[in-house]
C-alpha atoms as a PDB file:
ATOM      1  CA  MET A   1      83.003 111.680  55.699  1.00  0.00           C
ATOM      2  CA  SER A   2      86.635 112.220  56.548  1.00  0.00           C
ATOM      3  CA  ASN A   3      89.468 114.596  55.688  1.00  0.00           C
ATOM      4  CA  SER A   4      87.114 117.511  55.064  1.00  0.00           C
ATOM      5  CA  ASN A   5      89.718 119.913  56.455  1.00  0.00           C
ATOM      6  CA  HIS A   6      92.518 118.606  54.237  1.00  0.00           C
ATOM      7  CA  TYR A   7      92.846 120.071  50.758  1.00  0.00           C
ATOM      8  CA  HIS A   8      95.538 121.014  48.250  1.00  0.00           C
ATOM      9  CA  GLN A   9      93.807 123.958  46.591  1.00  0.00           C
ATOM     10  CA  ALA A  10      90.905 126.227  47.550  1.00  0.00           C
ATOM     11  CA  LEU A  11      88.445 127.809  45.136  1.00  0.00           C
ATOM     12  CA  ASP A  12      86.239 130.628  46.398  1.00  0.00           C
ATOM     13  CA  ALA A  13      83.334 130.904  43.956  1.00  0.00           C
ATOM     14  CA  SER A  14      81.222 132.936  46.386  1.00  0.00           C
ATOM     15  CA  GLY A  15      79.142 135.609  44.691  1.00  0.00           C
ATOM     16  CA  LEU A  16      79.426 133.989  41.270  1.00  0.00           C
ATOM     17  CA  GLU A  17      76.262 132.926  39.472  1.00  0.00           C
ATOM     18  CA  CYS A  18      75.570 129.785  37.476  1.00  0.00           C
ATOM     19  CA  PRO A  19      77.399 128.438  35.506  1.00  0.00           C
ATOM     20  CA  LEU A  20      80.602 130.077  36.793  1.00  0.00           C
ATOM     21  CA  PRO A  21      81.039 128.039  40.020  1.00  0.00           C
ATOM     22  CA  LEU A  22      80.900 124.791  38.011  1.00  0.00           C
ATOM     23  CA  LEU A  23      83.165 126.083  35.228  1.00  0.00           C
ATOM     24  CA  LYS A  24      85.768 127.338  37.716  1.00  0.00           C
ATOM     25  CA  THR A  25      85.561 124.005  39.582  1.00  0.00           C
ATOM     26  CA  LYS A  26      86.274 122.102  36.345  1.00  0.00           C
ATOM     27  CA  LEU A  27      89.263 124.339  35.564  1.00  0.00           C
ATOM     28  CA  ALA A  28      90.665 124.042  39.083  1.00  0.00           C
ATOM     29  CA  LEU A  29      90.375 120.234  38.996  1.00  0.00           C
ATOM     30  CA  LYS A  30      92.271 120.105  35.690  1.00  0.00           C
ATOM     31  CA  ALA A  31      95.218 121.840  37.385  1.00  0.00           C
ATOM     32  CA  LEU A  32      95.405 119.300  40.229  1.00  0.00           C
ATOM     33  CA  ALA A  33      97.309 116.033  40.281  1.00  0.00           C
ATOM     34  CA  VAL A  34      95.448 112.740  40.743  1.00  0.00           C
ATOM     35  CA  ASP A  35      94.400 112.185  44.387  1.00  0.00           C
ATOM     36  CA  GLU A  36      94.765 115.877  45.292  1.00  0.00           C
ATOM     37  CA  THR A  37      91.749 117.555  46.885  1.00  0.00           C
ATOM     38  CA  LEU A  38      89.995 120.758  45.862  1.00  0.00           C
ATOM     39  CA  TRP A  39      87.927 122.706  48.380  1.00  0.00           C
ATOM     40  CA  VAL A  40      85.183 124.766  46.742  1.00  0.00           C
ATOM     41  CA  THR A  41      83.023 127.403  48.421  1.00  0.00           C
ATOM     42  CA  ALA A  42      80.012 128.788  46.528  1.00  0.00           C
ATOM     43  CA  THR A  43      76.874 130.786  47.259  1.00  0.00           C
ATOM     44  CA  ASP A  44      74.881 130.103  44.080  1.00  0.00           C
ATOM     45  CA  ALA A  45      72.086 127.639  44.908  1.00  0.00           C
ATOM     46  CA  GLY A  46      72.500 125.898  41.550  1.00  0.00           C
ATOM     47  CA  SER A  47      76.035 124.905  42.469  1.00  0.00           C
ATOM     48  CA  TRP A  48      74.705 122.467  45.091  1.00  0.00           C
ATOM     49  CA  ARG A  49      73.063 120.461  42.298  1.00  0.00           C
ATOM     50  CA  ASP A  50      75.462 121.178  39.422  1.00  0.00           C
ATOM     51  CA  ILE A  51      78.776 120.381  41.102  1.00  0.00           C
ATOM     52  CA  ARG A  52      77.425 117.178  42.673  1.00  0.00           C
ATOM     53  CA  LYS A  53      75.990 116.033  39.323  1.00  0.00           C
ATOM     54  CA  TYR A  54      79.270 116.812  37.551  1.00  0.00           C
ATOM     55  CA  ILE A  55      81.238 114.739  40.086  1.00  0.00           C
ATOM     56  CA  GLU A  56      78.868 111.787  39.545  1.00  0.00           C
ATOM     57  CA  MET A  57      79.626 111.889  35.803  1.00  0.00           C
ATOM     58  CA  THR A  58      83.433 111.939  36.216  1.00  0.00           C
ATOM     59  CA  ASN A  59      86.197 109.896  37.854  1.00  0.00           C
ATOM     60  CA  ASN A  60      86.436 112.491  40.626  1.00  0.00           C
ATOM     61  CA  GLU A  61      85.203 111.753  44.154  1.00  0.00           C
ATOM     62  CA  LEU A  62      83.031 113.956  46.339  1.00  0.00           C
ATOM     63  CA  VAL A  63      84.774 113.479  49.690  1.00  0.00           C
ATOM     64  CA  ASP A  64      82.424 115.778  51.590  1.00  0.00           C
ATOM     65  CA  ALA A  65      79.828 118.488  50.993  1.00  0.00           C
ATOM     66  CA  SER A  66      77.941 120.872  53.241  1.00  0.00           C
ATOM     67  CA  ASP A  67      75.209 123.470  52.940  1.00  0.00           C
ATOM     68  CA  VAL A  68      75.256 125.936  55.813  1.00  0.00           C
ATOM     69  CA  ASP A  69      72.823 128.821  55.417  1.00  0.00           C
ATOM     70  CA  GLY A  70      73.342 129.046  51.662  1.00  0.00           C
ATOM     71  CA  CYS A  71      77.118 128.637  51.780  1.00  0.00           C
ATOM     72  CA  TYR A  72      77.895 125.490  49.815  1.00  0.00           C
ATOM     73  CA  GLN A  73      81.197 123.711  50.362  1.00  0.00           C
ATOM     74  CA  PHE A  74      82.620 120.772  48.456  1.00  0.00           C
ATOM     75  CA  TRP A  75      85.765 118.711  48.996  1.00  0.00           C
ATOM     76  CA  ILE A  76      86.555 117.001  45.704  1.00  0.00           C
ATOM     77  CA  LYS A  77      89.314 114.431  45.217  1.00  0.00           C
ATOM     78  CA  LYS A  78      90.647 114.332  41.667  1.00  0.00           C
ATOM     79  CA  GLY A  79      90.346 110.957  40.018  1.00  0.00           C
ATOM     80  CA  ALA A  80      92.507 109.359  37.345  1.00  0.00           C
END
């Protein structure tokens, strides 16, 4: 996947427990313009499943995602 280093806004949800990483991701995406990218970092294991599932159910695009030793990162492009 490309452009994983390019983003318009960063959200650090590290240390937050479910459902806060997902809720904060939703709020951050609402504030972005279409085609802008949000970079999310989280440490809650549930966020790996929840954020990916949420993206599947919306017009947003998961550009990239990584899980490195329990640090979950997501690059999400806002859809129309």
